[in-house]
Amino acid sequence: MSDPDAPTGEDPRETDAGDELTHTDTEGNVQMVDVGAKPDSDRRAVARGTIYLQPSTVDAVRADDIGKGDVLATARVGAVQAVKHTWETIPMCHQIPITNVDTEFEVETDRIVLTVTVETTGKTGCEMEALEGVTTGLNVVWDMVKAAEKDEAGQYPDTRVTDVHVVQKEKAVREEA
C-alpha cells in the first residue's frame, strides 16, 4: 500500500483535491488571486475572540469608569474601521464592498468576548475582515484599559487576547437574472 503523504513529483502547489494553491504563480512568486471570473455571492463571516482582564478592570468598564472614555464604544469603532481597511494590512487581501458589520460584546467577570459579523456581496469571502475586526477591537480594549491592568512593575500579568477564530462563514451564490 502506498503512502498518501509521500512526494509524488507533481507540482507542490497542488492540493490533495487537485486544486491549485492560487497565491503563487508558476515560479512560486506570491500573487493576488484573480477572482474576476467568479460569480457574485452573498457572503457572511463571524469571528470571535477574548481579552482576559482583572475583574476590577471589567467592573470599571461596566461602570464606564475608565479615564480614556467609553471602552466598548471606542472598541466598536476600532473594529469597524479595521474591517473596512483589512485589504490595506493583509497583503494579498482584496478590497471588498462591506455591506454590514455587527459587533457584539459579552462582558463577563474576568473577560470581554467580542464577536464581529461581516457581510458582503462579491467575488471573495470576508473571513479576514471579521478576524481583523476582532483583533483590532480587542487591542483597542487593551489600549483603553492598560493603565488599570498594569502591575507595580508596569507589566500586564493578567491581560491576554486569546481564542481568536472564525466561528462561521456562509456563501450563497446569486441566481442570474
C-alpha atoms as a PDB file:
ATOM      1  CA  MET A   1       0.000   0.000   0.000  1.00  0.00           C
ATOM      2  CA  SER A   2       1.420   3.424  -0.920  1.00  0.00           C
ATOM      3  CA  ASP A   3       1.911   6.328   1.476  1.00  0.00           C
ATOM      4  CA  PRO A   4      -0.667   9.031   0.623  1.00  0.00           C
ATOM      5  CA  ASP A   5       1.689  11.711   2.003  1.00  0.00           C
ATOM      6  CA  ALA A   6       4.738  10.589   0.014  1.00  0.00           C
ATOM      7  CA  PRO A   7       6.107  13.004  -2.590  1.00  0.00           C
ATOM      8  CA  THR A   8       4.546  12.415  -5.983  1.00  0.00           C
ATOM      9  CA  GLY A   9       6.806  14.510  -8.172  1.00  0.00           C
ATOM     10  CA  GLU A  10       3.772  16.601  -9.047  1.00  0.00           C
ATOM     11  CA  ASP A  11       3.539  20.369  -8.676  1.00  0.00           C
ATOM     12  CA  PRO A  12       3.843  21.133  -4.925  1.00  0.00           C
ATOM     13  CA  ARG A  13       1.327  23.934  -5.357  1.00  0.00           C
ATOM     14  CA  GLU A  14      -1.385  21.350  -5.963  1.00  0.00           C
ATOM     15  CA  THR A  15      -3.504  20.213  -3.036  1.00  0.00           C
ATOM     16  CA  ASP A  16      -4.817  16.688  -2.420  1.00  0.00           C
ATOM     17  CA  ALA A  17      -8.031  17.618  -4.205  1.00  0.00           C
ATOM     18  CA  GLY A  18      -6.083  18.820  -7.240  1.00  0.00           C
ATOM     19  CA  ASP A  19      -6.928  22.478  -6.645  1.00  0.00           C
ATOM     20  CA  GLU A  20      -4.060  24.842  -7.292  1.00  0.00           C
ATOM     21  CA  LEU A  21      -2.783  26.986  -4.463  1.00  0.00           C
ATOM     22  CA  THR A  22      -3.619  30.327  -6.007  1.00  0.00           C
ATOM     23  CA  HIS A  23      -1.421  32.726  -4.027  1.00  0.00           C
ATOM     24  CA  THR A  24       1.668  31.752  -6.030  1.00  0.00           C
ATOM     25  CA  ASP A  25       2.401  31.794  -9.727  1.00  0.00           C
ATOM     26  CA  THR A  26       4.179  29.028 -11.665  1.00  0.00           C
ATOM     27  CA  GLU A  27       7.567  30.358 -10.493  1.00  0.00           C
ATOM     28  CA  GLY A  28       6.486  30.394  -6.844  1.00  0.00           C
ATOM     29  CA  ASN A  29       6.094  34.173  -6.622  1.00  0.00           C
ATOM     30  CA  VAL A  30       3.376  35.481  -4.340  1.00  0.00           C
ATOM     31  CA  GLN A  31       0.414  36.947  -6.184  1.00  0.00           C
ATOM     32  CA  MET A  32      -3.093  38.179  -5.528  1.00  0.00           C
ATOM     33  CA  VAL A  33      -5.775  35.699  -6.543  1.00  0.00           C
ATOM     34  CA  ASP A  34      -7.688  36.652  -9.708  1.00  0.00           C
ATOM     35  CA  VAL A  35     -11.366  36.499  -8.718  1.00  0.00           C
ATOM     36  CA  GLY A  36     -12.653  38.326 -11.801  1.00  0.00           C
ATOM     37  CA  ALA A  37     -14.414  35.327 -13.316  1.00  0.00           C
ATOM     38  CA  LYS A  38     -16.135  34.254 -10.110  1.00  0.00           C
ATOM     39  CA  PRO A  39     -19.850  34.987  -9.743  1.00  0.00           C
ATOM     40  CA  ASP A  40     -21.029  37.450  -7.115  1.00  0.00           C
ATOM     41  CA  SER A  41     -22.366  35.823  -3.996  1.00  0.00           C
ATOM     42  CA  ASP A  42     -23.740  36.934  -0.663  1.00  0.00           C
ATOM     43  CA  ARG A  43     -21.128  36.201   1.971  1.00  0.00           C
ATOM     44  CA  ARG A  44     -21.065  36.366   5.737  1.00  0.00           C
ATOM     45  CA  ALA A  45     -18.313  35.618   8.246  1.00  0.00           C
ATOM     46  CA  VAL A  46     -18.414  35.579  12.028  1.00  0.00           C
ATOM     47  CA  ALA A  47     -15.242  35.733  14.133  1.00  0.00           C
ATOM     48  CA  ARG A  48     -14.785  35.803  17.892  1.00  0.00           C
ATOM     49  CA  GLY A  49     -12.025  36.436  20.409  1.00  0.00           C
ATOM     50  CA  THR A  50     -11.499  37.098  24.096  1.00  0.00           C
ATOM     51  CA  ILE A  51      -9.491  39.528  26.169  1.00  0.00           C
ATOM     52  CA  TYR A  52      -8.841  38.487  29.764  1.00  0.00           C
ATOM     53  CA  LEU A  53      -8.681  41.309  32.299  1.00  0.00           C
ATOM     54  CA  GLN A  54      -8.625  41.763  36.048  1.00  0.00           C
ATOM     55  CA  PRO A  55     -12.164  41.659  37.495  1.00  0.00           C
ATOM     56  CA  SER A  56     -11.673  45.214  38.829  1.00  0.00           C
ATOM     57  CA  THR A  57     -10.927  46.406  35.288  1.00  0.00           C
ATOM     58  CA  VAL A  58     -14.027  44.682  33.921  1.00  0.00           C
ATOM     59  CA  ASP A  59     -16.065  46.372  36.683  1.00  0.00           C
ATOM     60  CA  ALA A  60     -14.619  49.749  35.653  1.00  0.00           C
ATOM     61  CA  VAL A  61     -15.520  49.065  32.004  1.00  0.00           C
ATOM     62  CA  ARG A  62     -19.082  48.198  33.057  1.00  0.00           C
ATOM     63  CA  ALA A  63     -19.330  51.387  35.141  1.00  0.00           C
ATOM     64  CA  ASP A  64     -17.831  53.497  32.322  1.00  0.00           C
ATOM     65  CA  ASP A  65     -15.139  54.476  34.818  1.00  0.00           C
ATOM     66  CA  ILE A  66     -12.067  54.220  32.569  1.00  0.00           C
ATOM     67  CA  GLY A  67     -10.249  57.547  32.231  1.00  0.00           C
ATOM     68  CA  LYS A  68      -9.814  57.304  28.461  1.00  0.00           C
ATOM     69  CA  GLY A  69     -13.568  57.085  27.852  1.00  0.00           C
ATOM     70  CA  ASP A  70     -16.198  54.552  26.825  1.00  0.00           C
ATOM     71  CA  VAL A  71     -14.160  51.404  26.214  1.00  0.00           C
ATOM     72  CA  LEU A  72     -16.721  49.362  24.312  1.00  0.00           C
ATOM     73  CA  ALA A  73     -17.902  52.230  22.109  1.00  0.00           C
ATOM     74  CA  THR A  74     -14.313  53.015  21.156  1.00  0.00           C
ATOM     75  CA  ALA A  75     -13.527  49.335  20.550  1.00  0.00           C
ATOM     76  CA  ARG A  76     -16.618  49.071  18.334  1.00  0.00           C
ATOM     77  CA  VAL A  77     -15.394  51.963  16.176  1.00  0.00           C
ATOM     78  CA  GLY A  78     -11.917  50.408  16.001  1.00  0.00           C
ATOM     79  CA  ALA A  79     -13.353  47.044  14.978  1.00  0.00           C
ATOM     80  CA  VAL A  80     -15.444  48.564  12.190  1.00  0.00           C
ATOM     81  CA  GLN A  81     -12.518  50.638  10.928  1.00  0.00           C
ATOM     82  CA  ALA A  82     -10.308  47.540  10.884  1.00  0.00           C
ATOM     83  CA  VAL A  83     -12.908  45.618   8.884  1.00  0.00           C
ATOM     84  CA  LYS A  84     -13.054  48.383   6.284  1.00  0.00           C
ATOM     85  CA  HIS A  85      -9.254  48.584   5.996  1.00  0.00           C
ATOM     86  CA  THR A  86      -8.325  44.888   6.043  1.00  0.00           C
ATOM     87  CA  TRP A  87      -7.136  44.997   2.431  1.00  0.00           C
ATOM     88  CA  GLU A  88      -4.508  47.555   3.496  1.00  0.00           C
ATOM     89  CA  THR A  89      -2.958  45.338   6.179  1.00  0.00           C
ATOM     90  CA  ILE A  90      -3.132  41.838   4.677  1.00  0.00           C
ATOM     91  CA  PRO A  91      -1.007  41.927   1.526  1.00  0.00           C
ATOM     92  CA  MET A  92      -2.978  39.615  -0.793  1.00  0.00           C
ATOM     93  CA  CYS A  93      -6.436  40.503   0.507  1.00  0.00           C
ATOM     94  CA  HIS A  94      -8.909  42.068  -1.932  1.00  0.00           C
ATOM     95  CA  GLN A  95     -10.659  45.327  -1.179  1.00  0.00           C
ATOM     96  CA  ILE A  96     -14.278  44.237  -0.894  1.00  0.00           C
ATOM     97  CA  PRO A  97     -17.564  46.105  -0.577  1.00  0.00           C
ATOM     98  CA  ILE A  98     -18.614  45.711   3.050  1.00  0.00           C
ATOM     99  CA  THR A  99     -22.403  45.748   3.277  1.00  0.00           C
ATOM    100  CA  ASN A 100     -22.711  45.281   7.046  1.00  0.00           C
ATOM    101  CA  VAL A 101     -20.624  44.974  10.205  1.00  0.00           C
ATOM    102  CA  ASP A 102     -22.071  43.943  13.537  1.00  0.00           C
ATOM    103  CA  THR A 103     -20.117  43.914  16.797  1.00  0.00           C
ATOM    104  CA  GLU A 104     -21.290  42.221  19.965  1.00  0.00           C
ATOM    105  CA  PHE A 105     -19.538  42.358  23.337  1.00  0.00           C
ATOM    106  CA  GLU A 106     -20.120  39.873  26.138  1.00  0.00           C
ATOM    107  CA  VAL A 107     -18.791  41.342  29.380  1.00  0.00           C
ATOM    108  CA  GLU A 108     -18.048  38.590  31.889  1.00  0.00           C
ATOM    109  CA  THR A 109     -16.347  38.596  35.302  1.00  0.00           C
ATOM    110  CA  ASP A 110     -12.746  38.429  34.090  1.00  0.00           C
ATOM    111  CA  ARG A 111     -13.011  38.862  30.327  1.00  0.00           C
ATOM    112  CA  ILE A 112     -14.675  40.561  27.409  1.00  0.00           C
ATOM    113  CA  VAL A 113     -15.642  38.479  24.394  1.00  0.00           C
ATOM    114  CA  LEU A 114     -16.017  40.246  21.054  1.00  0.00           C
ATOM    115  CA  THR A 115     -17.925  38.774  18.139  1.00  0.00           C
ATOM    116  CA  VAL A 116     -17.697  40.520  14.770  1.00  0.00           C
ATOM    117  CA  THR A 117     -20.013  39.654  11.886  1.00  0.00           C
ATOM    118  CA  VAL A 118     -19.169  40.944   8.425  1.00  0.00           C
ATOM    119  CA  GLU A 119     -21.343  40.766   5.332  1.00  0.00           C
ATOM    120  CA  THR A 120     -20.516  41.486   1.705  1.00  0.00           C
ATOM    121  CA  THR A 121     -21.756  40.762  -1.776  1.00  0.00           C
ATOM    122  CA  GLY A 122     -18.951  39.987  -4.136  1.00  0.00           C
ATOM    123  CA  LYS A 123     -16.453  37.520  -5.513  1.00  0.00           C
ATOM    124  CA  THR A 124     -14.468  36.703  -2.368  1.00  0.00           C
ATOM    125  CA  GLY A 125     -15.151  35.994   1.288  1.00  0.00           C
ATOM    126  CA  CYS A 126     -14.894  38.228   4.328  1.00  0.00           C
ATOM    127  CA  GLU A 127     -13.270  35.990   6.955  1.00  0.00           C
ATOM    128  CA  MET A 128     -10.121  38.101   7.106  1.00  0.00           C
ATOM    129  CA  GLU A 129     -12.238  41.209   7.661  1.00  0.00           C
ATOM    130  CA  ALA A 130     -14.062  39.567  10.574  1.00  0.00           C
ATOM    131  CA  LEU A 131     -10.761  38.417  12.112  1.00  0.00           C
ATOM    132  CA  GLU A 132      -9.214  41.880  11.709  1.00  0.00           C
ATOM    133  CA  GLY A 133     -12.277  43.397  13.372  1.00  0.00           C
ATOM    134  CA  VAL A 134     -11.938  41.086  16.368  1.00  0.00           C
ATOM    135  CA  THR A 135      -8.216  41.525  16.860  1.00  0.00           C
ATOM    136  CA  THR A 136      -8.298  45.289  16.474  1.00  0.00           C
ATOM    137  CA  GLY A 137     -11.389  45.650  18.656  1.00  0.00           C
ATOM    138  CA  LEU A 138      -9.730  43.653  21.434  1.00  0.00           C
ATOM    139  CA  ASN A 139      -6.489  45.606  21.033  1.00  0.00           C
ATOM    140  CA  VAL A 140      -8.491  48.822  21.441  1.00  0.00           C
ATOM    141  CA  VAL A 141      -9.954  47.437  24.681  1.00  0.00           C
ATOM    142  CA  TRP A 142      -6.400  46.700  25.879  1.00  0.00           C
ATOM    143  CA  ASP A 143      -5.229  50.190  24.925  1.00  0.00           C
ATOM    144  CA  MET A 144      -8.155  51.804  26.730  1.00  0.00           C
ATOM    145  CA  VAL A 145      -7.660  49.832  29.975  1.00  0.00           C
ATOM    146  CA  LYS A 146      -3.881  49.437  30.096  1.00  0.00           C
ATOM    147  CA  ALA A 147      -3.425  51.884  32.995  1.00  0.00           C
ATOM    148  CA  ALA A 148      -5.808  49.779  35.096  1.00  0.00           C
ATOM    149  CA  GLU A 149      -4.186  46.490  34.021  1.00  0.00           C
ATOM    150  CA  LYS A 150      -0.517  47.330  34.713  1.00  0.00           C
ATOM    151  CA  ASP A 151       1.072  45.937  37.861  1.00  0.00           C
ATOM    152  CA  GLU A 152       3.649  47.777  40.020  1.00  0.00           C
ATOM    153  CA  ALA A 153       6.407  46.871  37.548  1.00  0.00           C
ATOM    154  CA  GLY A 154       4.422  48.167  34.553  1.00  0.00           C
ATOM    155  CA  GLN A 155       3.660  44.660  33.264  1.00  0.00           C
ATOM    156  CA  TYR A 156       0.379  43.005  32.251  1.00  0.00           C
ATOM    157  CA  PRO A 157       0.332  39.685  34.135  1.00  0.00           C
ATOM    158  CA  ASP A 158      -3.422  39.117  33.802  1.00  0.00           C
ATOM    159  CA  THR A 159      -4.092  40.642  30.386  1.00  0.00           C
ATOM    160  CA  ARG A 160      -4.154  38.496  27.261  1.00  0.00           C
ATOM    161  CA  VAL A 161      -6.004  38.202  23.972  1.00  0.00           C
ATOM    162  CA  THR A 162      -6.923  34.601  23.135  1.00  0.00           C
ATOM    163  CA  ASP A 163      -9.090  32.303  21.101  1.00  0.00           C
ATOM    164  CA  VAL A 164      -9.445  34.479  18.000  1.00  0.00           C
ATOM    165  CA  HIS A 165     -11.128  32.294  15.411  1.00  0.00           C
ATOM    166  CA  VAL A 166     -13.695  32.133  12.627  1.00  0.00           C
ATOM    167  CA  VAL A 167     -16.930  30.836  14.109  1.00  0.00           C
ATOM    168  CA  GLN A 168     -18.888  30.614  10.873  1.00  0.00           C
ATOM    169  CA  LYS A 169     -18.770  31.503   7.198  1.00  0.00           C
ATOM    170  CA  GLU A 170     -21.558  31.433   4.663  1.00  0.00           C
ATOM    171  CA  LYS A 171     -21.744  31.798   0.902  1.00  0.00           C
ATOM    172  CA  ALA A 172     -24.867  31.952  -1.253  1.00  0.00           C
ATOM    173  CA  VAL A 173     -24.315  32.317  -4.998  1.00  0.00           C
ATOM    174  CA  ARG A 174     -26.779  34.739  -6.528  1.00  0.00           C
ATOM    175  CA  GLU A 175     -29.084  33.471  -9.239  1.00  0.00           C
ATOM    176  CA  GLU A 176     -28.580  35.119 -12.632  1.00  0.00           C
ATOM    177  CA  ALA A 177     -31.464  37.337 -13.750  1.00  0.00           C
END
